[in-house]
Amino acid sequence: MTSMTDAVAGARAHIEAALVARATSDTAFRELLKSNPHAAIRDMFGNDPIPSMKISVVEEQAGEVLLVLPRSIAEDELPDELLDYASGGNLHKCLSDIGFFTPIEGRGIRF
C-alpha cells in the first residue's frame, strides 16, 4: 500500500473504532447507527464527509462471525483514495505520493 492508502485506511479504522465504542455504550446511538448511519456520523462528528457513499451497518448475532472483504479493484481502475488527485489535477503530488518518481535535488524529476 502507498502512504496515501495507509493514511486513508488508518483514518477509516479510527472512525470505525470511535463509532463502535460509542455504539457499545449508548443504546440510542447504536439504534441510530443501525437505522441511519449517515445521521449517526453527523451526530458524532458534526458532519458527514461522505454523504454519497452507501454505508451498511450489520450487528453480529450470537454464534455468528462476520468477515468483511474489501472490494477488489481492477488494474485499470483508480482506488477511491486516488480519485481526488485525478479530479483535482495535481499530477506532481499524485505521482510523488504513489512513488512513481522522486525529485533529484537541483535536477528536477527522475522517472
C-alpha atoms as a PDB file:
ATOM      1  CA  MET A   1       0.000   0.000   0.000  1.00  0.00           C
ATOM      2  CA  THR A   2       1.050   3.544  -0.597  1.00  0.00           C
ATOM      3  CA  SER A   3       1.289   6.110   2.152  1.00  0.00           C
ATOM      4  CA  MET A   4      -1.969   7.623   0.865  1.00  0.00           C
ATOM      5  CA  THR A   5      -3.901   4.360   1.123  1.00  0.00           C
ATOM      6  CA  ASP A   6      -2.270   3.689   4.513  1.00  0.00           C
ATOM      7  CA  ALA A   7      -3.447   7.104   5.723  1.00  0.00           C
ATOM      8  CA  VAL A   8      -6.985   6.526   4.445  1.00  0.00           C
ATOM      9  CA  ALA A   9      -7.102   3.044   5.994  1.00  0.00           C
ATOM     10  CA  GLY A  10      -5.830   4.454   9.296  1.00  0.00           C
ATOM     11  CA  ALA A  11      -8.428   7.224   9.316  1.00  0.00           C
ATOM     12  CA  ARG A  12     -11.178   4.751   8.491  1.00  0.00           C
ATOM     13  CA  ALA A  13     -10.077   2.393  11.280  1.00  0.00           C
ATOM     14  CA  HIS A  14     -10.034   5.299  13.758  1.00  0.00           C
ATOM     15  CA  ILE A  15     -13.543   6.434  12.754  1.00  0.00           C
ATOM     16  CA  GLU A  16     -14.914   2.879  12.846  1.00  0.00           C
ATOM     17  CA  ALA A  17     -13.408   2.285  16.307  1.00  0.00           C
ATOM     18  CA  ALA A  18     -14.949   5.524  17.626  1.00  0.00           C
ATOM     19  CA  LEU A  19     -18.376   4.618  16.205  1.00  0.00           C
ATOM     20  CA  VAL A  20     -18.244   1.089  17.651  1.00  0.00           C
ATOM     21  CA  ALA A  21     -17.085   2.378  21.054  1.00  0.00           C
ATOM     22  CA  ARG A  22     -19.976   4.831  21.260  1.00  0.00           C
ATOM     23  CA  ALA A  23     -22.490   2.277  19.961  1.00  0.00           C
ATOM     24  CA  THR A  24     -21.313  -0.116  22.674  1.00  0.00           C
ATOM     25  CA  SER A  25     -22.008   2.356  25.473  1.00  0.00           C
ATOM     26  CA  ASP A  26     -25.003   4.305  24.052  1.00  0.00           C
ATOM     27  CA  THR A  27     -28.080   2.257  23.112  1.00  0.00           C
ATOM     28  CA  ALA A  28     -29.863   5.129  21.342  1.00  0.00           C
ATOM     29  CA  PHE A  29     -26.766   5.857  19.244  1.00  0.00           C
ATOM     30  CA  ARG A  30     -26.456   2.136  18.431  1.00  0.00           C
ATOM     31  CA  GLU A  31     -30.015   2.093  17.078  1.00  0.00           C
ATOM     32  CA  LEU A  32     -29.399   5.293  15.081  1.00  0.00           C
ATOM     33  CA  LEU A  33     -26.178   3.846  13.646  1.00  0.00           C
ATOM     34  CA  LYS A  34     -28.030   0.707  12.515  1.00  0.00           C
ATOM     35  CA  SER A  35     -31.026   2.539  11.060  1.00  0.00           C
ATOM     36  CA  ASN A  36     -29.362   5.669   9.634  1.00  0.00           C
ATOM     37  CA  PRO A  37     -25.533   5.522   9.570  1.00  0.00           C
ATOM     38  CA  HIS A  38     -25.174   8.964   7.961  1.00  0.00           C
ATOM     39  CA  ALA A  39     -27.265  10.602  10.714  1.00  0.00           C
ATOM     40  CA  ALA A  40     -25.162   8.798  13.345  1.00  0.00           C
ATOM     41  CA  ILE A  41     -21.940  10.062  11.737  1.00  0.00           C
ATOM     42  CA  ARG A  42     -23.312  13.622  11.658  1.00  0.00           C
ATOM     43  CA  ASP A  43     -24.377  13.260  15.291  1.00  0.00           C
ATOM     44  CA  MET A  44     -20.949  12.066  16.391  1.00  0.00           C
ATOM     45  CA  PHE A  45     -18.637  14.172  14.226  1.00  0.00           C
ATOM     46  CA  GLY A  46     -20.757  17.217  13.387  1.00  0.00           C
ATOM     47  CA  ASN A  47     -20.852  16.500   9.650  1.00  0.00           C
ATOM     48  CA  ASP A  48     -20.985  13.658   7.145  1.00  0.00           C
ATOM     49  CA  PRO A  49     -17.841  13.749   4.999  1.00  0.00           C
ATOM     50  CA  ILE A  50     -19.115  11.056   2.629  1.00  0.00           C
ATOM     51  CA  PRO A  51     -22.856  11.700   2.106  1.00  0.00           C
ATOM     52  CA  SER A  52     -22.959   9.973  -1.293  1.00  0.00           C
ATOM     53  CA  MET A  53     -21.308   6.769  -0.023  1.00  0.00           C
ATOM     54  CA  LYS A  54     -23.540   3.842   0.905  1.00  0.00           C
ATOM     55  CA  ILE A  55     -22.869   2.718   4.487  1.00  0.00           C
ATOM     56  CA  SER A  56     -24.120  -0.648   5.737  1.00  0.00           C
ATOM     57  CA  VAL A  57     -24.109  -1.464   9.442  1.00  0.00           C
ATOM     58  CA  VAL A  58     -24.613  -5.081  10.468  1.00  0.00           C
ATOM     59  CA  GLU A  59     -24.911  -6.286  14.045  1.00  0.00           C
ATOM     60  CA  GLU A  60     -23.368  -9.678  14.747  1.00  0.00           C
ATOM     61  CA  GLN A  61     -25.704 -12.206  16.293  1.00  0.00           C
ATOM     62  CA  ALA A  62     -24.830 -14.848  18.872  1.00  0.00           C
ATOM     63  CA  GLY A  63     -22.960 -17.736  17.245  1.00  0.00           C
ATOM     64  CA  GLU A  64     -22.115 -15.645  14.190  1.00  0.00           C
ATOM     65  CA  VAL A  65     -18.891 -14.124  12.893  1.00  0.00           C
ATOM     66  CA  LEU A  66     -18.941 -11.501  10.154  1.00  0.00           C
ATOM     67  CA  LEU A  67     -15.994 -11.127   7.817  1.00  0.00           C
ATOM     68  CA  VAL A  68     -15.910  -8.040   5.593  1.00  0.00           C
ATOM     69  CA  LEU A  69     -13.757  -8.259   2.493  1.00  0.00           C
ATOM     70  CA  PRO A  70     -12.555  -5.057   0.828  1.00  0.00           C
ATOM     71  CA  ARG A  71     -13.790  -4.607  -2.695  1.00  0.00           C
ATOM     72  CA  SER A  72     -11.428  -5.763  -5.390  1.00  0.00           C
ATOM     73  CA  ILE A  73     -10.006  -3.094  -7.655  1.00  0.00           C
ATOM     74  CA  ALA A  74      -9.351  -3.808 -11.316  1.00  0.00           C
ATOM     75  CA  GLU A  75      -5.913  -2.949 -12.666  1.00  0.00           C
ATOM     76  CA  ASP A  76      -7.374  -0.198 -14.846  1.00  0.00           C
ATOM     77  CA  GLU A  77      -9.423   1.355 -12.015  1.00  0.00           C
ATOM     78  CA  LEU A  78      -8.233   4.072  -9.663  1.00  0.00           C
ATOM     79  CA  PRO A  79      -8.774   3.340  -5.991  1.00  0.00           C
ATOM     80  CA  ASP A  80     -11.020   5.856  -4.224  1.00  0.00           C
ATOM     81  CA  GLU A  81      -8.010   7.287  -2.395  1.00  0.00           C
ATOM     82  CA  LEU A  82      -6.507   8.454  -5.706  1.00  0.00           C
ATOM     83  CA  LEU A  83      -9.677   9.782  -7.354  1.00  0.00           C
ATOM     84  CA  ASP A  84      -9.251  13.137  -5.601  1.00  0.00           C
ATOM     85  CA  TYR A  85      -5.876  13.549  -7.265  1.00  0.00           C
ATOM     86  CA  ALA A  86      -7.285  12.634 -10.662  1.00  0.00           C
ATOM     87  CA  SER A  87     -10.149  15.096 -10.389  1.00  0.00           C
ATOM     88  CA  GLY A  88      -8.022  17.819  -8.766  1.00  0.00           C
ATOM     89  CA  GLY A  89      -5.328  17.795 -11.409  1.00  0.00           C
ATOM     90  CA  ASN A  90      -2.351  17.691  -9.030  1.00  0.00           C
ATOM     91  CA  LEU A  91      -0.339  15.215 -11.099  1.00  0.00           C
ATOM     92  CA  HIS A  92       3.004  16.024  -9.453  1.00  0.00           C
ATOM     93  CA  LYS A  93       1.719  15.325  -5.918  1.00  0.00           C
ATOM     94  CA  CYS A  94      -0.186  12.239  -7.036  1.00  0.00           C
ATOM     95  CA  LEU A  95       2.810  10.667  -8.767  1.00  0.00           C
ATOM     96  CA  SER A  96       5.041  11.580  -5.859  1.00  0.00           C
ATOM     97  CA  ASP A  97       2.657  10.100  -3.270  1.00  0.00           C
ATOM     98  CA  ILE A  98       2.361   6.794  -5.092  1.00  0.00           C
ATOM     99  CA  GLY A  99       6.136   6.598  -5.546  1.00  0.00           C
ATOM    100  CA  PHE A 100       6.129   6.915  -9.336  1.00  0.00           C
ATOM    101  CA  PHE A 101       9.013   9.357  -9.356  1.00  0.00           C
ATOM    102  CA  THR A 102      11.401  11.008  -6.966  1.00  0.00           C
ATOM    103  CA  PRO A 103      12.811  14.504  -7.350  1.00  0.00           C
ATOM    104  CA  ILE A 104      16.586  14.782  -7.645  1.00  0.00           C
ATOM    105  CA  GLU A 105      17.805  17.879  -5.896  1.00  0.00           C
ATOM    106  CA  GLY A 106      18.854  20.505  -8.420  1.00  0.00           C
ATOM    107  CA  ARG A 107      17.978  18.316 -11.396  1.00  0.00           C
ATOM    108  CA  GLY A 108      14.185  18.135 -11.450  1.00  0.00           C
ATOM    109  CA  ILE A 109      12.292  14.884 -11.661  1.00  0.00           C
ATOM    110  CA  ARG A 110      13.667  11.384 -12.081  1.00  0.00           C
ATOM    111  CA  PHE A 111      11.265   8.813 -13.615  1.00  0.00           C
END
